[in-house]
Amino acid sequence: MPPPAATNLGYSPPDGGWGWAVVFASFISIGFSYAFPKSLTVYFKEIQEYFGASYSEIAWVSSVMLATMYAAGPISSVLVNRYGSRPVVMVGGLMVSAGMVLASFGTSIIHLYLCVGVIGGLGLAFNLQPALTIIGTYFQAKRPLANGLAMTGSPVVLFTLAPLNQFLFDSFGWRGSFLILGGIVLNCCVAGSLMRPVKKMVGSKPKKAESSECHDEEEIDVLRTEDNAESQSCVRRFIDFSLFKHRGFLIYLVGNVVMFFGFFAPIVFLAPYAKHQGIDEYSAAFLLSIFALVDMFVRPLTGFVGNTKWIRPKIQYLFAFAVSYNGVCHLLCPLFSGYAGLVAYAIIFGAAFGMVCALLFETLMDLVGAQRFSTAVGLVTIIECAPVLLGPPISGAMVDAFGDYKYMYYTCGVLMLLPGIFFFIMHYYNYKKLDEKQKQSVSAEMRTAEDKIQCNS
């Protein structure tokens, strides 16, 4: 087993036991958080015709939902730090359910933006952040594997929902389908109930003296210093702006902001692209199932590979490769013609997408540590909400303007390939600086030890 990434949790994570039940709960929560907005694209063409909306206008439904999920990251992080993962996830499940039920009575596209996008997106944020955070409290040595398994929830749920949504639409229409989906997402509440806080086996702190005797001046100074440190720690527990001075965090943030402009649009428009080529609705929806099936197997495999002793010390390079691979897939997409070509694209894209998603939050945790992860992911998601919100509508506007999807896929390919190259270069620099710092630290320790030996002699 590779050595775990250096963290300062203050206790030893169980790396198993009830942690696997927590992974299963996170599997469900993360699955609905990421797959739900994508699965709704099956209804887009019909909703577009019903309301007389453009490609760009209908794309805002998923975009607003995803952007709200990302923008509410800091709120979710604060609630998790204050109340724990369990109640936050359960409230989130109720909110998504309420949003879908209200959307079923929608009379305009704006109504869907508010109900599905804002209310549903906020509920998904309350599912995503707690699920990601709690894994880091239960796992350390096996954390990449646990994260990979939990992130597999997205393709599994998408694989199930894509054909189910088509069946529901044919049977009940989009309004009836939204009502039923409102009941299905209540499974997030069940997942939240499994997220029991980890039992931290730590030594008890010494009790404060109850004597009324006065402390001397030195003792008072020590107590004041401790109080100030505790106050600063309390503030950082909720929001830690010092992360913006963290080199690895900034590399991750800059690359991801560019990447997310082209990350979700190819999935959002996969089924509409197939229908645009004259492929029937069920075959178009099945492309999402193929994509999800490949994604489903690639995510745990990527987690297993990332947990090996050869990859984990330099896991950032694996993430850089995965991002670049996505870009190449989108650049090649217009070259695949016919349904067989789209099936081939769905397979290679599913593999590329699964690699990125399996490593997306593991690499952040590797950079900042599990203890600062909750705040870090909150800051990252609120900044990423802009590209998540704007990416699909801009892509939809390109389709409206050119009347063809190929330019949209070319653009997304470039927006993925450039960050991948950026990650390779910058993480090489970051690893080099970390190695230099470690060598300096070892040299300093050796000099200190030599000085002690000379003093003793």
Protein backbone atom coordinates (compact mmCIF):
# COMPACT_ATOMS: atom_id res chain seq x y z
CA MET A 1 0.00 0.00 0.00
CA PRO A 2 1.39 3.41 -0.89
CA PRO A 3 2.02 5.81 1.91
CA PRO A 4 -0.88 8.14 2.55
CA ALA A 5 -0.66 11.77 1.65
CA ALA A 6 0.49 13.88 4.52
CA THR A 7 -2.43 15.17 6.53
CA ASN A 8 -2.95 16.50 10.03
CA LEU A 9 -6.37 15.22 11.00
CA GLY A 10 -5.50 14.78 14.66
CA TYR A 11 -6.74 11.17 14.62
CA SER A 12 -6.28 7.96 12.65
CA PRO A 13 -9.05 7.42 10.05
CA PRO A 14 -10.49 3.88 10.15
CA ASP A 15 -9.85 3.31 6.41
CA GLY A 16 -12.73 0.85 6.33
CA GLY A 17 -15.50 -0.43 8.59
CA TRP A 18 -18.51 1.88 8.50
CA GLY A 19 -16.50 3.97 6.06
CA TRP A 20 -17.63 1.66 3.24
CA ALA A 21 -21.28 2.38 4.14
CA VAL A 22 -20.38 6.07 3.94
CA VAL A 23 -18.81 5.46 0.51
CA PHE A 24 -22.10 3.86 -0.60
CA ALA A 25 -24.07 6.84 0.72
CA SER A 26 -21.68 9.23 -1.06
CA PHE A 27 -22.10 7.07 -4.17
CA ILE A 28 -25.83 7.89 -4.13
CA SER A 29 -25.46 11.57 -3.24
CA ILE A 30 -22.70 12.28 -5.76
CA GLY A 31 -24.55 10.20 -8.35
CA PHE A 32 -27.67 12.35 -8.20
CA SER A 33 -25.66 15.58 -7.91
CA TYR A 34 -23.82 15.08 -11.19
CA ALA A 35 -26.11 12.77 -13.18
CA PHE A 36 -29.45 14.45 -12.52
CA PRO A 37 -28.79 17.63 -14.54
CA LYS A 38 -27.38 15.56 -17.42
CA SER A 39 -30.27 13.09 -17.45
CA LEU A 40 -32.80 15.91 -17.84
CA THR A 41 -31.39 16.66 -21.32
CA VAL A 42 -33.63 13.84 -22.61
CA TYR A 43 -36.59 16.20 -22.12
CA PHE A 44 -34.93 19.23 -23.72
CA LYS A 45 -36.18 18.84 -27.28
CA GLU A 46 -39.78 18.37 -26.17
CA ILE A 47 -39.66 21.21 -23.59
CA GLN A 48 -38.01 23.41 -26.23
CA GLU A 49 -40.91 22.79 -28.63
CA TYR A 50 -43.51 23.18 -25.86
CA PHE A 51 -42.26 26.64 -24.82
CA GLY A 52 -40.92 27.67 -28.24
CA ALA A 53 -37.41 28.17 -26.81
CA SER A 54 -34.06 28.25 -28.63
CA TYR A 55 -31.15 25.84 -28.10
CA SER A 56 -29.41 28.43 -25.97
CA GLU A 57 -32.49 29.11 -23.80
CA ILE A 58 -33.16 25.43 -23.10
CA ALA A 59 -29.48 24.84 -22.25
CA TRP A 60 -29.84 27.32 -19.38
CA VAL A 61 -31.97 24.80 -17.43
CA SER A 62 -29.03 22.43 -16.81
CA SER A 63 -26.58 25.32 -16.63
CA VAL A 64 -28.48 27.15 -13.89
CA MET A 65 -28.84 23.89 -11.96
CA LEU A 66 -25.12 23.07 -12.19
CA ALA A 67 -24.06 26.67 -11.55
CA THR A 68 -26.26 26.92 -8.46
CA MET A 69 -24.82 23.63 -7.23
CA TYR A 70 -21.32 25.07 -7.60
CA ALA A 71 -22.13 28.59 -6.36
CA ALA A 72 -23.70 27.25 -3.17
CA GLY A 73 -20.50 25.35 -2.36
CA PRO A 74 -19.32 27.72 0.41
CA ILE A 75 -22.80 27.71 2.00
CA SER A 76 -22.80 23.94 1.99
CA SER A 77 -19.25 23.83 3.39
CA VAL A 78 -20.18 26.14 6.27
CA LEU A 79 -23.25 24.03 7.08
CA VAL A 80 -21.20 20.82 6.96
CA ASN A 81 -18.57 22.28 9.30
CA ARG A 82 -21.31 23.46 11.65
CA TYR A 83 -23.84 20.59 11.61
CA GLY A 84 -22.09 17.66 9.90
CA SER A 85 -22.83 15.87 6.64
CA ARG A 86 -25.90 13.86 7.66
CA PRO A 87 -28.54 16.63 8.17
CA VAL A 88 -27.25 18.73 5.28
CA VAL A 89 -27.62 15.87 2.77
CA MET A 90 -31.12 15.04 4.00
CA VAL A 91 -32.27 18.65 3.65
CA GLY A 92 -30.70 18.74 0.19
CA GLY A 93 -32.70 15.71 -0.92
CA LEU A 94 -35.93 17.37 0.21
CA MET A 95 -35.06 20.55 -1.70
CA VAL A 96 -34.37 18.75 -5.00
CA SER A 97 -37.64 16.84 -4.62
CA ALA A 98 -39.58 20.06 -3.97
CA GLY A 99 -37.95 21.75 -6.97
CA MET A 100 -38.94 18.96 -9.37
CA VAL A 101 -42.52 18.81 -8.08
CA LEU A 102 -42.91 22.59 -8.48
CA ALA A 103 -41.35 22.44 -11.94
CA SER A 104 -44.00 19.95 -13.07
CA PHE A 105 -46.52 22.81 -12.83
CA GLY A 106 -44.30 25.19 -14.81
CA THR A 107 -45.92 27.62 -17.24
CA SER A 108 -42.76 29.16 -18.72
CA ILE A 109 -39.06 28.44 -19.24
CA ILE A 110 -38.29 30.97 -16.48
CA HIS A 111 -40.33 28.82 -14.09
CA LEU A 112 -38.04 25.88 -14.89
CA TYR A 113 -34.95 28.03 -14.34
CA LEU A 114 -36.17 28.86 -10.82
CA CYS A 115 -37.54 25.46 -9.76
CA VAL A 116 -35.19 23.01 -11.47
CA GLY A 117 -32.20 25.36 -11.68
CA VAL A 118 -32.14 27.34 -8.44
CA ILE A 119 -34.08 25.22 -5.92
CA GLY A 120 -32.91 21.90 -7.36
CA GLY A 121 -29.34 23.14 -7.79
CA LEU A 122 -29.19 24.32 -4.18
CA GLY A 123 -30.39 20.92 -3.04
CA LEU A 124 -27.72 19.20 -5.14
CA ALA A 125 -25.06 21.43 -3.54
CA PHE A 126 -26.21 20.16 -0.15
CA ASN A 127 -25.67 16.62 -1.46
CA LEU A 128 -22.32 17.06 -3.21
CA GLN A 129 -20.14 18.90 -0.68
CA PRO A 130 -20.98 16.75 2.38
CA ALA A 131 -20.47 13.53 0.41
CA LEU A 132 -17.04 14.65 -0.79
CA THR A 133 -15.98 15.92 2.62
CA ILE A 134 -16.99 12.95 4.76
CA ILE A 135 -14.89 10.49 2.71
CA GLY A 136 -11.75 12.36 3.76
CA THR A 137 -12.67 11.88 7.43
CA TYR A 138 -13.02 8.08 7.07
CA PHE A 139 -10.14 7.32 4.68
CA GLN A 140 -6.48 8.21 4.31
CA ALA A 141 -4.40 5.33 2.92
CA LYS A 142 -7.30 4.10 0.75
CA ARG A 143 -8.67 7.56 -0.04
CA PRO A 144 -8.12 7.56 -3.87
CA LEU A 145 -9.89 4.21 -4.10
CA ALA A 146 -12.76 5.39 -1.87
CA ASN A 147 -13.13 8.59 -3.89
CA GLY A 148 -13.07 6.65 -7.15
CA LEU A 149 -15.82 4.29 -5.94
CA ALA A 150 -17.97 7.16 -4.64
CA MET A 151 -17.59 9.13 -7.87
CA THR A 152 -18.82 6.04 -9.77
CA GLY A 153 -22.29 6.97 -8.54
CA SER A 154 -22.63 9.58 -11.28
CA PRO A 155 -22.40 7.21 -14.29
CA VAL A 156 -24.43 4.50 -12.54
CA VAL A 157 -27.28 6.91 -11.84
CA LEU A 158 -26.99 8.41 -15.34
CA PHE A 159 -26.99 4.94 -16.91
CA THR A 160 -30.23 4.22 -15.05
CA LEU A 161 -31.95 7.57 -15.47
CA ALA A 162 -31.28 8.14 -19.20
CA PRO A 163 -33.52 5.31 -20.51
CA LEU A 164 -35.87 5.65 -17.53
CA ASN A 165 -36.50 9.29 -18.39
CA GLN A 166 -37.34 8.38 -21.98
CA PHE A 167 -39.79 5.73 -20.73
CA LEU A 168 -41.35 8.15 -18.25
CA PHE A 169 -41.73 10.80 -20.94
CA ASP A 170 -43.46 8.38 -23.33
CA SER A 171 -45.78 7.21 -20.54
CA PHE A 172 -46.52 10.37 -18.55
CA GLY A 173 -45.16 13.36 -20.51
CA TRP A 174 -42.54 15.73 -19.13
CA ARG A 175 -44.81 17.08 -16.38
CA GLY A 176 -45.69 13.65 -15.00
CA SER A 177 -42.06 12.59 -15.31
CA PHE A 178 -40.91 15.54 -13.21
CA LEU A 179 -43.39 14.54 -10.47
CA ILE A 180 -42.03 10.98 -10.42
CA LEU A 181 -38.42 12.21 -10.43
CA GLY A 182 -39.28 14.35 -7.42
CA GLY A 183 -40.04 11.12 -5.55
CA ILE A 184 -36.98 9.27 -6.85
CA VAL A 185 -34.50 11.91 -5.58
CA LEU A 186 -35.77 11.37 -2.03
CA ASN A 187 -33.29 8.48 -1.98
CA CYS A 188 -30.74 11.19 -1.16
CA CYS A 189 -32.37 11.49 2.26
CA VAL A 190 -31.77 7.77 2.81
CA ALA A 191 -28.14 8.23 1.77
CA GLY A 192 -27.77 11.12 4.22
CA SER A 193 -28.98 8.96 7.10
CA LEU A 194 -26.00 6.62 6.53
CA MET A 195 -23.43 9.42 6.91
CA ARG A 196 -22.63 8.85 10.55
CA PRO A 197 -19.86 11.11 11.89
CA VAL A 198 -16.53 9.32 12.28
CA LYS A 199 -15.51 8.28 15.79
CA LYS A 200 -12.27 10.14 16.39
CA MET A 201 -9.91 8.23 18.68
CA VAL A 202 -7.93 11.10 20.15
CA GLY A 203 -6.46 11.74 23.55
CA SER A 204 -8.48 13.95 25.87
CA LYS A 205 -7.31 17.46 26.49
CA PRO A 206 -6.15 18.28 30.01
CA LYS A 207 -8.84 19.93 32.06
CA LYS A 208 -8.43 23.55 33.09
CA ALA A 209 -7.67 24.08 36.73
CA GLU A 210 -10.75 24.97 38.73
CA SER A 211 -8.75 26.76 41.38
CA SER A 212 -9.58 30.41 41.95
CA GLU A 213 -5.93 31.26 42.48
CA CYS A 214 -4.51 33.90 40.17
CA HIS A 215 -2.13 32.91 37.39
CA ASP A 216 1.17 34.66 37.08
CA GLU A 217 1.77 36.95 34.08
CA GLU A 218 3.44 34.27 31.95
CA GLU A 219 0.49 31.89 32.39
CA ILE A 220 -1.96 34.64 31.42
CA ASP A 221 0.03 35.40 28.25
CA VAL A 222 0.01 31.73 27.32
CA LEU A 223 -3.76 31.51 27.81
CA ARG A 224 -4.34 34.64 25.71
CA THR A 225 -2.19 33.19 22.91
CA GLU A 226 -4.18 29.95 22.98
CA ASP A 227 -7.49 31.84 22.87
CA ASN A 228 -6.35 33.88 19.86
CA ALA A 229 -5.20 30.72 18.07
CA GLU A 230 -8.55 29.04 18.77
CA SER A 231 -10.43 32.09 17.43
CA GLN A 232 -8.37 32.11 14.21
CA SER A 233 -8.87 28.37 13.86
CA CYS A 234 -12.62 28.83 14.23
CA VAL A 235 -12.71 31.44 11.45
CA ARG A 236 -10.57 29.29 9.12
CA ARG A 237 -12.82 26.34 9.82
CA PHE A 238 -15.59 28.07 7.88
CA ILE A 239 -13.63 30.00 5.23
CA ASP A 240 -9.88 30.01 4.72
CA PHE A 241 -8.72 32.74 2.33
CA SER A 242 -5.09 31.78 2.97
CA LEU A 243 -5.67 29.08 0.34
CA PHE A 244 -5.27 31.80 -2.29
CA LYS A 245 -1.59 31.91 -1.27
CA HIS A 246 -1.28 28.14 -1.76
CA ARG A 247 0.62 27.42 -5.01
CA GLY A 248 -0.98 24.04 -5.69
CA PHE A 249 -4.49 25.36 -5.00
CA LEU A 250 -4.00 28.25 -7.45
CA ILE A 251 -2.74 25.89 -10.18
CA TYR A 252 -5.79 23.68 -9.66
CA LEU A 253 -8.17 26.66 -9.66
CA VAL A 254 -6.83 28.40 -12.79
CA GLY A 255 -6.80 25.21 -14.85
CA ASN A 256 -10.26 24.12 -13.73
CA VAL A 257 -11.89 27.49 -14.46
CA VAL A 258 -10.84 27.24 -18.12
CA MET A 259 -11.62 23.52 -18.28
CA PHE A 260 -15.20 23.88 -17.05
CA PHE A 261 -16.15 26.12 -19.97
CA GLY A 262 -15.95 23.01 -22.14
CA PHE A 263 -16.56 20.25 -19.60
CA PHE A 264 -20.35 19.76 -19.51
CA ALA A 265 -21.53 21.06 -22.90
CA PRO A 266 -20.54 17.92 -24.88
CA ILE A 267 -22.73 15.81 -22.57
CA VAL A 268 -25.63 18.26 -22.55
CA PHE A 269 -25.76 18.25 -26.35
CA LEU A 270 -24.94 14.59 -27.03
CA ALA A 271 -28.56 13.43 -27.33
CA PRO A 272 -29.72 16.57 -29.23
CA TYR A 273 -26.71 16.18 -31.56
CA ALA A 274 -27.76 12.61 -32.33
CA LYS A 275 -31.37 13.68 -32.98
CA HIS A 276 -30.07 16.47 -35.23
CA GLN A 277 -28.43 13.76 -37.37
CA GLY A 278 -31.79 11.99 -37.78
CA ILE A 279 -31.28 9.32 -35.10
CA ASP A 280 -34.44 8.24 -33.27
CA GLU A 281 -35.11 9.34 -29.69
CA TYR A 282 -34.46 6.00 -27.96
CA SER A 283 -31.16 5.47 -29.81
CA ALA A 284 -30.12 9.04 -28.97
CA ALA A 285 -30.95 8.50 -25.28
CA PHE A 286 -29.07 5.19 -25.38
CA LEU A 287 -25.88 7.08 -26.25
CA LEU A 288 -25.99 8.57 -22.74
CA SER A 289 -26.36 5.05 -21.33
CA ILE A 290 -23.32 3.85 -23.30
CA PHE A 291 -21.37 6.89 -22.14
CA ALA A 292 -22.43 6.24 -18.54
CA LEU A 293 -21.65 2.50 -18.72
CA VAL A 294 -18.05 3.14 -19.79
CA ASP A 295 -17.76 5.96 -17.26
CA MET A 296 -19.06 3.58 -14.59
CA PHE A 297 -16.20 1.12 -14.99
CA VAL A 298 -13.46 3.66 -15.63
CA ARG A 299 -13.97 5.64 -12.40
CA PRO A 300 -13.19 2.85 -9.89
CA LEU A 301 -10.40 1.60 -12.16
CA THR A 302 -8.89 5.09 -12.15
CA GLY A 303 -9.21 5.21 -8.37
CA PHE A 304 -7.42 1.87 -8.10
CA VAL A 305 -4.62 3.01 -10.43
CA GLY A 306 -4.31 6.31 -8.58
CA ASN A 307 -3.92 4.44 -5.30
CA THR A 308 -0.87 2.48 -6.49
CA LYS A 309 2.59 3.31 -5.18
CA TRP A 310 3.78 4.28 -8.66
CA ILE A 311 1.01 6.81 -9.42
CA ARG A 312 -0.12 8.29 -6.11
CA PRO A 313 3.04 10.32 -5.34
CA LYS A 314 2.60 12.09 -8.73
CA ILE A 315 -1.18 11.77 -9.13
CA GLN A 316 -1.45 15.30 -10.56
CA TYR A 317 0.15 14.08 -13.79
CA LEU A 318 -2.57 11.46 -14.19
CA PHE A 319 -5.17 14.21 -13.84
CA ALA A 320 -3.38 16.34 -16.43
CA PHE A 321 -3.42 13.39 -18.86
CA ALA A 322 -7.14 12.81 -18.26
CA VAL A 323 -8.00 16.46 -18.99
CA SER A 324 -5.90 16.45 -22.18
CA TYR A 325 -7.50 13.17 -23.28
CA ASN A 326 -10.96 14.80 -22.98
CA GLY A 327 -9.85 17.62 -25.25
CA VAL A 328 -8.60 15.22 -27.92
CA CYS A 329 -11.92 13.31 -27.81
CA HIS A 330 -13.98 16.44 -28.51
CA LEU A 331 -11.67 17.54 -31.33
CA LEU A 332 -12.19 14.13 -32.97
CA CYS A 333 -15.98 14.01 -32.42
CA PRO A 334 -17.03 15.68 -35.72
CA LEU A 335 -14.97 13.08 -37.59
CA PHE A 336 -17.25 10.27 -36.31
CA SER A 337 -20.22 9.96 -38.68
CA GLY A 338 -23.47 8.05 -38.28
CA TYR A 339 -24.79 6.24 -35.24
CA ALA A 340 -21.82 3.83 -35.12
CA GLY A 341 -19.48 6.81 -35.03
CA LEU A 342 -21.43 8.41 -32.18
CA VAL A 343 -21.31 5.14 -30.25
CA ALA A 344 -17.52 5.09 -30.67
CA TYR A 345 -17.36 8.71 -29.48
CA ALA A 346 -19.58 7.92 -26.47
CA ILE A 347 -17.19 5.10 -25.51
CA ILE A 348 -13.93 7.07 -25.68
CA PHE A 349 -15.57 10.16 -24.19
CA GLY A 350 -17.00 8.07 -21.34
CA ALA A 351 -13.52 6.77 -20.54
CA ALA A 352 -12.00 10.27 -20.64
CA PHE A 353 -14.78 11.83 -18.59
CA GLY A 354 -14.62 9.04 -16.00
CA MET A 355 -10.90 9.57 -15.49
CA VAL A 356 -11.34 13.29 -14.85
CA CYS A 357 -14.27 12.83 -12.48
CA ALA A 358 -12.53 10.10 -10.47
CA LEU A 359 -9.54 12.39 -9.90
CA LEU A 360 -11.25 15.80 -9.79
CA PHE A 361 -11.55 16.09 -6.00
CA GLU A 362 -8.87 13.59 -5.03
CA THR A 363 -6.26 15.84 -6.65
CA LEU A 364 -7.57 18.85 -4.70
CA MET A 365 -7.42 16.86 -1.46
CA ASP A 366 -3.90 15.75 -2.39
CA LEU A 367 -2.86 19.40 -2.80
CA VAL A 368 -4.45 21.01 0.29
CA GLY A 369 -4.92 18.05 2.65
CA ALA A 370 -8.11 16.51 4.02
CA GLN A 371 -8.40 18.99 6.89
CA ARG A 372 -8.65 22.05 4.60
CA PHE A 373 -10.58 20.24 1.86
CA SER A 374 -14.08 21.30 2.93
CA THR A 375 -13.20 25.00 2.71
CA ALA A 376 -11.10 24.50 -0.44
CA VAL A 377 -13.87 22.74 -2.35
CA GLY A 378 -16.32 25.47 -1.32
CA LEU A 379 -14.07 28.21 -2.67
CA VAL A 380 -13.35 26.26 -5.85
CA THR A 381 -16.99 25.54 -6.65
CA ILE A 382 -18.22 29.13 -6.20
CA ILE A 383 -15.53 30.37 -8.61
CA GLU A 384 -16.20 27.54 -11.06
CA CYS A 385 -19.93 28.32 -11.14
CA ALA A 386 -19.33 31.03 -13.78
CA PRO A 387 -17.88 28.67 -16.45
CA VAL A 388 -20.35 25.95 -15.46
CA LEU A 389 -23.22 28.42 -15.92
CA LEU A 390 -21.97 29.99 -19.15
CA GLY A 391 -20.42 26.98 -20.91
CA PRO A 392 -23.54 25.15 -22.22
CA PRO A 393 -25.50 28.32 -23.17
CA ILE A 394 -22.49 29.68 -25.10
CA SER A 395 -22.22 26.31 -26.82
CA GLY A 396 -25.96 26.41 -27.57
CA ALA A 397 -25.57 29.91 -29.01
CA MET A 398 -22.82 28.58 -31.30
CA VAL A 399 -25.20 25.88 -32.53
CA ASP A 400 -27.89 28.51 -33.15
CA ALA A 401 -25.42 30.75 -34.99
CA PHE A 402 -23.75 28.14 -37.24
CA GLY A 403 -26.56 25.59 -37.48
CA ASP A 404 -23.99 22.84 -36.84
CA TYR A 405 -22.62 21.15 -33.73
CA LYS A 406 -19.06 20.58 -34.96
CA TYR A 407 -17.83 24.08 -34.08
CA MET A 408 -19.14 23.64 -30.55
CA TYR A 409 -17.21 20.37 -30.18
CA TYR A 410 -14.03 21.92 -31.61
CA THR A 411 -14.27 24.77 -29.09
CA CYS A 412 -14.84 22.42 -26.17
CA GLY A 413 -11.86 20.34 -27.29
CA VAL A 414 -9.55 23.34 -27.22
CA LEU A 415 -10.93 24.45 -23.83
CA MET A 416 -10.05 21.02 -22.41
CA LEU A 417 -6.71 20.48 -24.13
CA LEU A 418 -5.15 23.80 -23.08
CA PRO A 419 -5.75 23.27 -19.31
CA GLY A 420 -4.37 19.74 -19.64
CA ILE A 421 -1.10 21.09 -21.03
CA PHE A 422 -1.13 23.81 -18.38
CA PHE A 423 -1.48 21.17 -15.62
CA PHE A 424 1.48 19.17 -16.97
CA ILE A 425 3.77 22.20 -16.99
CA MET A 426 2.69 23.79 -13.71
CA HIS A 427 2.60 20.57 -11.69
CA TYR A 428 6.10 19.73 -12.91
CA TYR A 429 7.13 23.11 -11.49
CA ASN A 430 5.15 22.53 -8.28
CA TYR A 431 6.61 19.06 -7.68
CA LYS A 432 10.09 20.46 -8.28
CA LYS A 433 9.56 23.22 -5.69
CA LEU A 434 8.13 20.75 -3.16
CA ASP A 435 11.15 18.46 -3.63
CA GLU A 436 13.51 21.39 -3.06
CA LYS A 437 11.61 22.37 0.08
CA GLN A 438 11.75 18.81 1.38
CA LYS A 439 15.50 18.59 0.74
CA GLN A 440 16.05 21.86 2.58
CA SER A 441 13.98 20.59 5.50
CA VAL A 442 15.99 17.35 5.67
CA SER A 443 19.28 19.29 5.52
CA ALA A 444 18.13 21.58 8.33
CA GLU A 445 17.20 18.59 10.48
CA MET A 446 20.57 16.96 9.83
CA ARG A 447 22.42 20.15 10.81
CA THR A 448 20.37 20.41 13.99
CA ALA A 449 21.16 16.79 14.87
CA GLU A 450 24.90 17.36 14.23
CA ASP A 451 24.88 20.47 16.44
CA LYS A 452 23.28 18.50 19.25
CA ILE A 453 25.88 15.74 18.93
CA GLN A 454 28.73 18.29 19.07
CA CYS A 455 27.20 19.97 22.14
CA ASN A 456 26.85 16.65 23.94
CA SER A 457 30.45 15.70 23.14
